[in-house]
Structures are given as C-alpha cells and as structure tokens.
Amino acid sequence: MEFGTRLLHNGNEIDPHTGAASIPVYLASTYHQSDPDRPGRFDYARSGNPTRLALERTIAELEGGVRGFAFSSGMAAISTVFLLFSSGDHLVVSRDVYGGTYRVLTQVLSRLGISCTFVDTTDLKQVEAAIRPETRGLFVETPSNPTLKVTDLAGAAAIARSRGLILIVDNTFLTPYYQTPLELGADIVVHSATKFLGGHSDVVAGLVVAKGEELAERIGALQNTVGAVLGVQDAWLLLRGMKTLKARMDVSARSAARIAEWLADHPAVRRVYYTGLPGHPGYRLQAKQARGNGAVLSFDVGSRERAMQVLKRVTLPLVAVSLGAVESILSHPATMSHASMPREERERRGITDGLLRLSVGLESAEDLIADLAEALSEKKMFVLGGG
C-alpha cells in the first residue's frame, strides 16, 4: 500500500473491542489481573497503555521497524536512547544537531563518562577518522538543523556495520513519509513527534523505532525503567495528527520549494539552505536517499539586526520555537533552538546571528512570499536602522 493509505489503514486504527474508528483514550493507571499467575498484556500504565501501544505500533509500521516507543518529548526519546551507552563509551555525532541534543551530550552524558566527537558527517572520511576503540555509536541528523546538511545514510550505515556501531538517525525533519533510515541501514530512528508527526502545535512527544529485536528489548527496558513515557491524551492527539501527515507534508513541502526559490533570488538574502535547490551541496544525495525535501528551510539575512527586523515585521508566521505545524513558524536559531550552544560553536556550524529558519505551514505560498517581501524590504530595513 502507498504511504497515505498506510497512515489510515495500518492495523492500529480501529478499537479491537468496540470497532470504534478512533482508538479510545484509556485513562487508567493500573489494570485488574483476573489470574495473577497469568498477568495480562497491561499491568501498570508506565509499562504499557492501549492508546500508547496503538501509536507505538503505528510508527514502527511506518518506519519499518520491529517496535516503536512513545516518550514524553523528543529529548526524552533521544536521552533514553543515549542511555544504551555506558561510562567509557564514545559516540561520533553530526556537527549540526539540534541544540537540545548538543546540550544533553555535552552537559549531561559527559558527566556520566560518555564522550562524543562532533564531525561533519557529510564527509564520511571524517566519520571514520573520529572512530576510536571505545566508540560504540554514531548519531546522525539529516537533513541537519538548521543548515540542512545531508549525510549519506547508506554510507554511514556501512561504516557503522563494519565497526560494530549502533547507527541512530534523527528523522524529525523528513518523517517516514519522505525518508526511512532503517531501510538504508540505520539501527534506531528517533523523532521529535511534536513537529510534523503531531503537526498542530498542541502536543509534545518523542518517538523511537528499533530495527532489531535485541535493541528493541533494551530500549523497552530503559523506557520502563526511566519512565519518561507519553501521556495517554497526547498519544491520542498524536495518532489523530499522523492521519493527515501526507496531506500536510504535500502542501507544505510544495510551498517551501516555491519560497526557497524566491528567497534565493532576493537581494537582501545572503544564502538559502534548502535541499530542494539544485545549488544545495546535498541536492543529488537527498534525491537519492529520500522521497522529498520537506518543509523546513533556512536563510541568512546577514546580521542579527536584520534578522530581528524580519521577525518583528512578519505577520503570518508564528515567531516561535519549534516547527512542523499547520501554521508557518519563523525562528532565530541563535537565540532559540541553538541558544544552549556556545557562540563560537554555532558560528563554526554556520548558525550565524543573521540566520532564520522557516517551517512552512499550510498558508498560501504567495501570501507567505508577500509577507516576507514586506519584511525584507530594503527601504523598511533602512528605516528601521538595519543598514
């Protein structure tokens, strides 16, 4: 079946007990055991909940893994996966990662004796060079946040297999609609499901999918032990949001491509980052390993002053953190998503003070362009003191 059909017909959409077309919200913290010698599938809600289970089975089916796991946030999901590693272990990590991932690696895991080396994973030679005898994992974000660098997932997987590493891929930007890392050799996929999977700015959630049973067992044990599970109401909202994923992404990605092309020709924009532009360094690789380019793009207006002026002048996008919603969201990575990263580290990654990230929603592309044109007007920049 095609992806849009699988979103609606994946075996987890109908309540098996009543036939309801929506999985019920099971608001129970514990479950009666009619035969204590033979406990049922559910005993305590931290360990399992029918609504959450339907969500976990859905994301596992969409990503092509054996089991899925739903967490209370994207960072809860990523942090729990990192707990697969132990003191003395070393990780190789994409240089361009979400600021929260950078923070947990440098401020939390480092205190637990788990070290990491950040490299440009678009250069697989750098990945190989960074591997040590104690290296146990490779964490890749592709396209990266917010400069949309593209890593060769099949190439990274080959390296991971040859060196006995666990390959973890953050698939938040593309979702399983556009990219399925497990099919390309990854071992684990993580999502901030708050973003495109939820899609409506009304839920905070994280999802993990494991390719093999052994890793699935370990992740399941960690989820139950740590307990950062997704609440049942949020699980239901996420199940509902995912039903329209294809329809939303089709519209948003088409608009993003149109806006990226327009920005690339604008005299006030120094650089545009979008994998659908032929001039993007990862354009060909993206077309090879993914089925689309997604709805996120970034553009550099040259200075913090100009960036702030754009943020203050736009009227359609939300000026906010996060992305992947039905409404467009414009953010300033240096002071929002990557604020926890030291300035010198941000600049080394191309996250300048003039960089803006736009997550394109369901508004008319032409309306968004008109709004950006007004905000980027050189005359208005000059009037506002932007030079």
Protein backbone atom coordinates (compact mmCIF):
# COMPACT_ATOMS: atom_id res chain seq x y z
CA MET A 1 0.00 0.00 0.00
CA GLU A 2 1.06 3.58 -0.57
CA PHE A 3 2.04 5.72 2.41
CA GLY A 4 -1.16 7.77 2.57
CA THR A 5 -3.22 4.59 2.74
CA ARG A 6 -0.95 3.09 5.39
CA LEU A 7 -1.46 6.16 7.57
CA LEU A 8 -5.14 5.32 7.74
CA HIS A 9 -5.04 1.52 7.44
CA ASN A 10 -2.10 0.09 9.39
CA GLY A 11 -3.86 -2.27 11.75
CA ASN A 12 -3.91 0.18 14.66
CA GLU A 13 -6.72 2.49 13.64
CA ILE A 14 -9.79 0.61 14.91
CA ASP A 15 -10.51 -0.27 18.53
CA PRO A 16 -10.47 -4.09 18.60
CA HIS A 17 -13.03 -4.22 21.43
CA THR A 18 -15.76 -1.93 20.12
CA GLY A 19 -14.93 -1.27 16.47
CA ALA A 20 -14.65 2.45 17.17
CA ALA A 21 -12.99 4.34 14.31
CA SER A 22 -10.74 6.09 16.82
CA ILE A 23 -8.67 4.29 19.43
CA PRO A 24 -10.14 5.31 22.81
CA VAL A 25 -8.24 7.31 25.39
CA TYR A 26 -7.61 4.72 28.11
CA LEU A 27 -7.40 6.82 31.26
CA ALA A 28 -6.24 4.04 33.56
CA SER A 29 -3.10 3.91 35.67
CA THR A 30 -3.45 0.24 36.61
CA TYR A 31 -5.23 -2.90 35.35
CA HIS A 32 -7.09 -5.72 37.10
CA GLN A 33 -5.41 -9.12 36.81
CA SER A 34 -8.12 -11.80 36.82
CA ASP A 35 -5.45 -14.52 37.09
CA PRO A 36 -2.32 -13.33 38.97
CA ASP A 37 -0.44 -16.39 37.71
CA ARG A 38 -1.12 -15.27 34.15
CA PRO A 39 -0.91 -11.47 34.08
CA GLY A 40 -2.47 -9.71 31.13
CA ARG A 41 -0.79 -7.58 28.48
CA PHE A 42 -1.17 -4.47 30.68
CA ASP A 43 -0.47 -4.13 34.38
CA TYR A 44 0.71 -0.57 35.08
CA ALA A 45 0.43 2.40 32.72
CA ARG A 46 4.12 3.30 32.84
CA SER A 47 4.82 -0.13 31.37
CA GLY A 48 2.03 -0.04 28.81
CA ASN A 49 -1.23 1.59 27.78
CA PRO A 50 -3.55 0.53 24.92
CA THR A 51 -3.70 4.01 23.38
CA ARG A 52 0.06 4.43 23.55
CA LEU A 53 0.57 0.92 22.19
CA ALA A 54 -1.51 1.75 19.09
CA LEU A 55 0.71 4.78 18.49
CA GLU A 56 3.90 2.79 19.02
CA ARG A 57 2.78 0.07 16.62
CA THR A 58 1.82 2.70 14.05
CA ILE A 59 5.21 4.44 13.99
CA ALA A 60 7.01 1.08 13.92
CA GLU A 61 5.00 0.05 10.87
CA LEU A 62 5.58 3.36 9.09
CA GLU A 63 9.34 3.33 9.75
CA GLY A 64 9.73 -0.39 9.03
CA GLY A 65 10.99 -1.39 12.47
CA VAL A 66 10.10 -4.17 14.87
CA ARG A 67 8.94 -1.98 17.77
CA GLY A 68 8.13 1.63 18.48
CA PHE A 69 8.28 3.57 21.74
CA ALA A 70 6.47 6.78 22.69
CA PHE A 71 8.12 9.25 25.06
CA SER A 72 7.09 12.46 26.80
CA SER A 73 9.22 14.62 24.46
CA GLY A 74 11.74 14.37 21.65
CA MET A 75 14.54 14.97 24.13
CA ALA A 76 13.18 12.26 26.44
CA ALA A 77 13.33 9.89 23.47
CA ILE A 78 16.87 10.89 22.45
CA SER A 79 18.17 10.91 26.03
CA THR A 80 16.76 7.45 26.72
CA VAL A 81 18.38 6.08 23.56
CA PHE A 82 21.71 7.56 24.66
CA LEU A 83 21.36 5.55 27.89
CA LEU A 84 22.05 2.45 25.80
CA PHE A 85 25.68 3.51 26.24
CA SER A 86 27.83 3.25 29.36
CA SER A 87 30.62 5.11 31.09
CA GLY A 88 33.74 4.94 28.95
CA ASP A 89 31.83 4.70 25.68
CA HIS A 90 32.38 7.20 22.89
CA LEU A 91 29.96 8.50 20.25
CA VAL A 92 30.51 10.15 16.89
CA VAL A 93 27.85 12.80 16.31
CA SER A 94 26.84 15.07 13.43
CA ARG A 95 28.31 18.51 13.97
CA ASP A 96 24.98 20.07 13.02
CA VAL A 97 22.47 18.83 15.56
CA TYR A 98 19.57 20.32 17.44
CA GLY A 99 20.71 22.43 20.38
CA GLY A 100 18.97 20.19 22.90
CA THR A 101 20.86 17.15 21.59
CA TYR A 102 24.12 19.10 21.86
CA ARG A 103 23.22 20.10 25.43
CA VAL A 104 22.47 16.59 26.69
CA LEU A 105 25.66 15.27 25.11
CA THR A 106 27.94 17.99 26.45
CA GLN A 107 26.33 18.77 29.80
CA VAL A 108 24.76 15.50 30.96
CA LEU A 109 26.29 12.46 29.25
CA SER A 110 29.76 13.93 29.70
CA ARG A 111 29.21 13.79 33.48
CA LEU A 112 28.28 10.13 33.14
CA GLY A 113 31.56 9.33 31.39
CA ILE A 114 30.09 9.08 27.89
CA SER A 115 32.14 11.20 25.48
CA CYS A 116 31.45 12.35 21.95
CA THR A 117 33.19 13.85 18.95
CA PHE A 118 31.28 16.20 16.66
CA VAL A 119 32.20 15.86 12.98
CA ASP A 120 30.84 16.91 9.63
CA THR A 121 29.06 13.65 8.83
CA THR A 122 28.54 14.75 5.22
CA ASP A 123 32.22 13.76 4.90
CA LEU A 124 32.35 10.05 5.70
CA LYS A 125 36.15 10.20 5.90
CA GLN A 126 35.75 12.45 8.93
CA VAL A 127 33.37 9.91 10.46
CA GLU A 128 35.88 7.10 10.03
CA ALA A 129 38.73 9.24 11.34
CA ALA A 130 36.79 10.06 14.53
CA ILE A 131 36.12 6.42 15.46
CA ARG A 132 38.12 5.16 18.45
CA PRO A 133 38.45 1.71 20.01
CA GLU A 134 35.85 2.76 22.59
CA THR A 135 33.39 4.18 20.04
CA ARG A 136 30.01 2.48 20.32
CA GLY A 137 27.57 4.68 18.42
CA LEU A 138 27.07 7.05 15.52
CA PHE A 139 24.34 9.70 15.78
CA VAL A 140 23.26 11.45 12.58
CA GLU A 141 20.75 14.20 11.94
CA THR A 142 19.89 14.55 8.25
CA PRO A 143 18.91 17.00 6.95
CA SER A 144 20.54 18.79 9.85
CA ASN A 145 19.01 21.51 11.99
CA PRO A 146 19.13 24.33 10.91
CA THR A 147 21.56 24.33 7.95
CA LEU A 148 20.08 21.22 6.30
CA LYS A 149 23.31 19.34 5.64
CA VAL A 150 22.70 15.91 4.10
CA THR A 151 24.53 12.81 5.31
CA ASP A 152 24.84 9.67 3.20
CA LEU A 153 22.83 7.27 5.34
CA ALA A 154 23.76 4.11 3.43
CA GLY A 155 27.43 5.10 3.63
CA ALA A 156 27.17 5.87 7.33
CA ALA A 157 25.42 2.54 7.89
CA ALA A 158 28.20 0.68 6.10
CA ILE A 159 30.76 2.29 8.39
CA ALA A 160 28.67 1.51 11.46
CA ARG A 161 28.29 -2.14 10.47
CA SER A 162 31.99 -2.58 9.75
CA ARG A 163 32.96 -1.10 13.12
CA GLY A 164 30.21 -2.61 15.25
CA LEU A 165 28.49 0.71 15.99
CA ILE A 166 24.83 1.49 16.62
CA LEU A 167 23.62 3.97 14.00
CA ILE A 168 20.96 6.34 15.34
CA VAL A 169 19.21 8.75 12.96
CA ASP A 170 17.08 11.75 13.87
CA ASN A 171 14.33 11.72 11.22
CA THR A 172 12.29 14.62 12.58
CA PHE A 173 12.57 16.93 9.56
CA LEU A 174 11.51 14.40 6.92
CA THR A 175 9.31 11.89 8.80
CA PRO A 176 8.82 8.36 7.41
CA TYR A 177 6.85 9.86 4.54
CA TYR A 178 9.98 11.24 2.91
CA GLN A 179 12.78 9.17 4.47
CA THR A 180 13.05 5.72 6.08
CA PRO A 181 16.55 5.42 7.61
CA LEU A 182 16.05 1.82 8.77
CA GLU A 183 15.74 0.74 5.14
CA LEU A 184 19.11 2.40 4.48
CA GLY A 185 20.83 0.52 7.29
CA ALA A 186 20.18 2.53 10.47
CA ASP A 187 19.55 0.66 13.72
CA ILE A 188 17.39 3.23 15.51
CA VAL A 189 15.25 6.16 14.37
CA VAL A 190 14.24 8.99 16.69
CA HIS A 191 11.65 11.73 16.23
CA SER A 192 10.53 14.85 17.94
CA ALA A 193 6.92 13.96 17.23
CA THR A 194 5.98 17.42 18.50
CA LYS A 195 6.86 18.57 15.00
CA PHE A 196 5.47 17.20 11.71
CA LEU A 197 4.05 13.96 13.08
CA GLY A 198 1.80 15.83 15.54
CA GLY A 199 1.56 18.77 13.21
CA HIS A 200 -0.77 21.08 15.14
CA SER A 201 1.33 22.75 17.87
CA ASP A 202 -0.76 21.02 20.53
CA VAL A 203 1.32 18.07 21.70
CA VAL A 204 4.86 17.46 22.96
CA ALA A 205 6.09 13.93 22.23
CA GLY A 206 9.04 11.81 21.15
CA LEU A 207 9.12 8.53 19.23
CA VAL A 208 11.76 5.84 18.80
CA VAL A 209 11.78 2.89 16.43
CA ALA A 210 14.21 -0.02 16.62
CA LYS A 211 15.14 -2.14 13.63
CA GLY A 212 16.02 -5.33 15.54
CA GLU A 213 14.60 -7.23 18.50
CA GLU A 214 17.72 -7.05 20.67
CA LEU A 215 17.85 -3.24 20.61
CA ALA A 216 14.07 -3.09 20.97
CA GLU A 217 14.26 -5.14 24.18
CA ARG A 218 16.94 -2.85 25.59
CA ILE A 219 15.06 0.33 24.70
CA GLY A 220 11.84 -1.09 26.13
CA ALA A 221 13.59 -1.88 29.40
CA LEU A 222 15.03 1.63 29.55
CA GLN A 223 11.67 3.21 28.79
CA ASN A 224 10.02 1.27 31.58
CA THR A 225 12.87 1.97 34.00
CA VAL A 226 13.32 5.67 33.32
CA GLY A 227 9.59 6.21 32.92
CA ALA A 228 9.54 9.20 30.55
CA VAL A 229 6.50 7.80 28.75
CA LEU A 230 3.99 9.71 26.69
CA GLY A 231 0.70 10.57 28.40
CA VAL A 232 -2.41 8.91 27.03
CA GLN A 233 -4.14 12.12 25.89
CA ASP A 234 -1.01 13.17 23.99
CA ALA A 235 -0.77 9.70 22.45
CA TRP A 236 -4.32 10.07 21.16
CA LEU A 237 -3.63 13.55 19.76
CA LEU A 238 -0.55 12.23 18.00
CA LEU A 239 -2.45 9.30 16.49
CA ARG A 240 -5.01 11.77 15.16
CA GLY A 241 -2.39 14.19 13.83
CA MET A 242 -0.48 11.49 11.98
CA LYS A 243 -3.54 10.58 9.90
CA THR A 244 -3.12 13.78 7.89
CA LEU A 245 0.70 13.69 7.67
CA LYS A 246 0.89 13.04 3.92
CA ALA A 247 -1.69 15.67 3.04
CA ARG A 248 0.00 18.28 5.23
CA MET A 249 3.51 17.50 4.04
CA ASP A 250 2.49 17.57 0.37
CA VAL A 251 1.18 21.11 0.69
CA SER A 252 3.91 22.42 2.99
CA ALA A 253 6.81 20.96 1.01
CA ARG A 254 5.45 22.33 -2.26
CA SER A 255 5.19 25.79 -0.72
CA ALA A 256 8.63 25.51 0.87
CA ALA A 257 10.20 24.83 -2.53
CA ARG A 258 8.45 27.87 -4.00
CA ILE A 259 9.54 30.12 -1.12
CA ALA A 260 13.13 28.83 -1.20
CA GLU A 261 13.40 29.68 -4.89
CA TRP A 262 12.03 33.15 -4.26
CA LEU A 263 14.39 33.80 -1.33
CA ALA A 264 17.37 32.61 -3.38
CA ASP A 265 16.75 35.50 -5.80
CA HIS A 266 16.13 38.15 -3.16
CA PRO A 267 18.88 40.80 -2.84
CA ALA A 268 18.51 41.05 0.96
CA VAL A 269 19.18 37.32 1.44
CA ARG A 270 22.78 36.18 1.51
CA ARG A 271 22.18 32.44 1.44
CA VAL A 272 19.32 29.95 1.40
CA TYR A 273 19.53 26.45 2.84
CA TYR A 274 17.03 24.04 1.29
CA THR A 275 17.80 20.59 -0.08
CA GLY A 276 15.39 21.09 -2.99
CA LEU A 277 17.51 23.84 -4.53
CA PRO A 278 19.85 22.47 -7.25
CA GLY A 279 22.70 24.54 -5.80
CA HIS A 280 22.49 22.82 -2.41
CA PRO A 281 25.57 20.59 -1.82
CA GLY A 282 23.35 17.68 -0.81
CA TYR A 283 20.80 18.07 -3.59
CA ARG A 284 21.67 14.89 -5.50
CA LEU A 285 22.20 12.76 -2.40
CA GLN A 286 18.89 13.93 -0.95
CA ALA A 287 17.10 12.95 -4.16
CA LYS A 288 18.76 9.53 -3.98
CA GLN A 289 18.02 8.60 -0.38
CA ALA A 290 14.78 10.50 0.30
CA ARG A 291 11.43 10.91 -1.43
CA GLY A 292 11.16 14.64 -0.84
CA ASN A 293 12.78 17.71 0.67
CA GLY A 294 10.42 18.55 3.48
CA ALA A 295 9.01 21.87 4.61
CA VAL A 296 11.90 23.44 6.51
CA LEU A 297 14.33 25.95 5.04
CA SER A 298 16.77 28.48 6.46
CA PHE A 299 18.03 31.77 5.09
CA ASP A 300 20.71 34.23 6.17
CA VAL A 301 19.95 37.96 6.05
CA GLY A 302 23.45 39.00 7.07
CA SER A 303 23.17 40.28 10.63
CA ARG A 304 21.30 39.94 13.89
CA GLU A 305 19.77 43.39 13.38
CA ARG A 306 18.27 42.42 10.04
CA ALA A 307 17.07 39.09 11.42
CA MET A 308 15.31 40.82 14.31
CA GLN A 309 13.68 43.27 11.91
CA VAL A 310 12.29 40.43 9.82
CA LEU A 311 10.99 38.67 12.91
CA LYS A 312 9.25 41.84 14.08
CA ARG A 313 7.71 42.66 10.69
CA VAL A 314 6.23 39.33 9.56
CA THR A 315 2.53 38.93 10.20
CA LEU A 316 1.70 35.40 9.02
CA PRO A 317 4.29 33.02 10.52
CA LEU A 318 4.41 32.49 14.24
CA VAL A 319 7.66 33.83 15.63
CA ALA A 320 8.41 30.94 17.92
CA VAL A 321 10.49 27.89 18.70
CA SER A 322 9.54 24.52 17.20
CA LEU A 323 8.47 23.65 13.67
CA GLY A 324 6.34 21.27 11.64
CA ALA A 325 2.90 22.73 12.34
CA VAL A 326 -0.08 23.64 10.18
CA GLU A 327 0.88 27.28 10.72
CA SER A 328 4.24 28.54 9.47
CA ILE A 329 6.83 29.16 12.18
CA LEU A 330 9.78 31.54 11.81
CA SER A 331 12.57 31.22 14.34
CA HIS A 332 16.01 32.60 15.10
CA PRO A 333 18.21 29.54 15.85
CA ALA A 334 20.99 31.53 17.54
CA THR A 335 18.64 32.70 20.29
CA MET A 336 16.07 29.89 20.18
CA SER A 337 16.74 26.27 19.15
CA HIS A 338 20.55 26.56 19.45
CA ALA A 339 20.84 29.10 22.27
CA SER A 340 22.47 26.50 24.52
CA MET A 341 25.34 26.13 22.05
CA PRO A 342 28.29 28.49 22.62
CA ARG A 343 28.56 31.27 20.05
CA GLU A 344 31.84 30.01 18.60
CA GLU A 345 30.35 26.54 18.17
CA ARG A 346 27.27 27.96 16.45
CA GLU A 347 29.31 30.05 14.04
CA ARG A 348 31.54 27.09 13.24
CA ARG A 349 28.39 25.28 12.15
CA GLY A 350 27.12 28.17 10.05
CA ILE A 351 24.48 29.17 12.59
CA THR A 352 25.08 32.89 12.32
CA ASP A 353 23.21 35.67 14.07
CA GLY A 354 21.61 36.52 10.73
CA LEU A 355 20.20 33.03 10.15
CA LEU A 356 16.45 32.47 10.21
CA ARG A 357 14.66 29.12 10.00
CA LEU A 358 11.24 28.88 8.39
CA SER A 359 8.96 25.92 8.84
CA VAL A 360 6.35 26.30 6.12
CA GLY A 361 2.77 25.53 7.06
CA LEU A 362 -0.49 25.37 5.12
CA GLU A 363 -0.90 29.03 4.27
CA SER A 364 -0.80 30.11 0.64
CA ALA A 365 2.78 30.23 -0.60
CA GLU A 366 2.05 33.50 -2.37
CA ASP A 367 0.69 35.05 0.82
CA LEU A 368 3.79 33.97 2.73
CA ILE A 369 6.03 35.38 -0.01
CA ALA A 370 4.19 38.70 0.08
CA ASP A 371 4.59 38.82 3.86
CA LEU A 372 8.32 38.04 3.64
CA ALA A 373 8.76 40.58 0.84
CA GLU A 374 7.33 43.29 3.07
CA ALA A 375 9.54 42.22 5.99
CA LEU A 376 12.65 42.07 3.80
CA SER A 377 12.02 45.40 2.08
CA GLU A 378 15.32 47.29 1.84
CA LYS A 379 13.52 50.57 2.43
CA LYS A 380 11.96 49.28 5.61
CA MET A 381 15.30 47.77 6.67
CA PHE A 382 16.88 51.19 6.25
CA VAL A 383 14.10 52.97 8.10
CA LEU A 384 14.47 50.54 10.97
CA GLY A 385 18.23 51.08 11.10
CA GLY A 386 19.31 47.79 9.60
CA GLY A 387 21.68 49.35 7.05
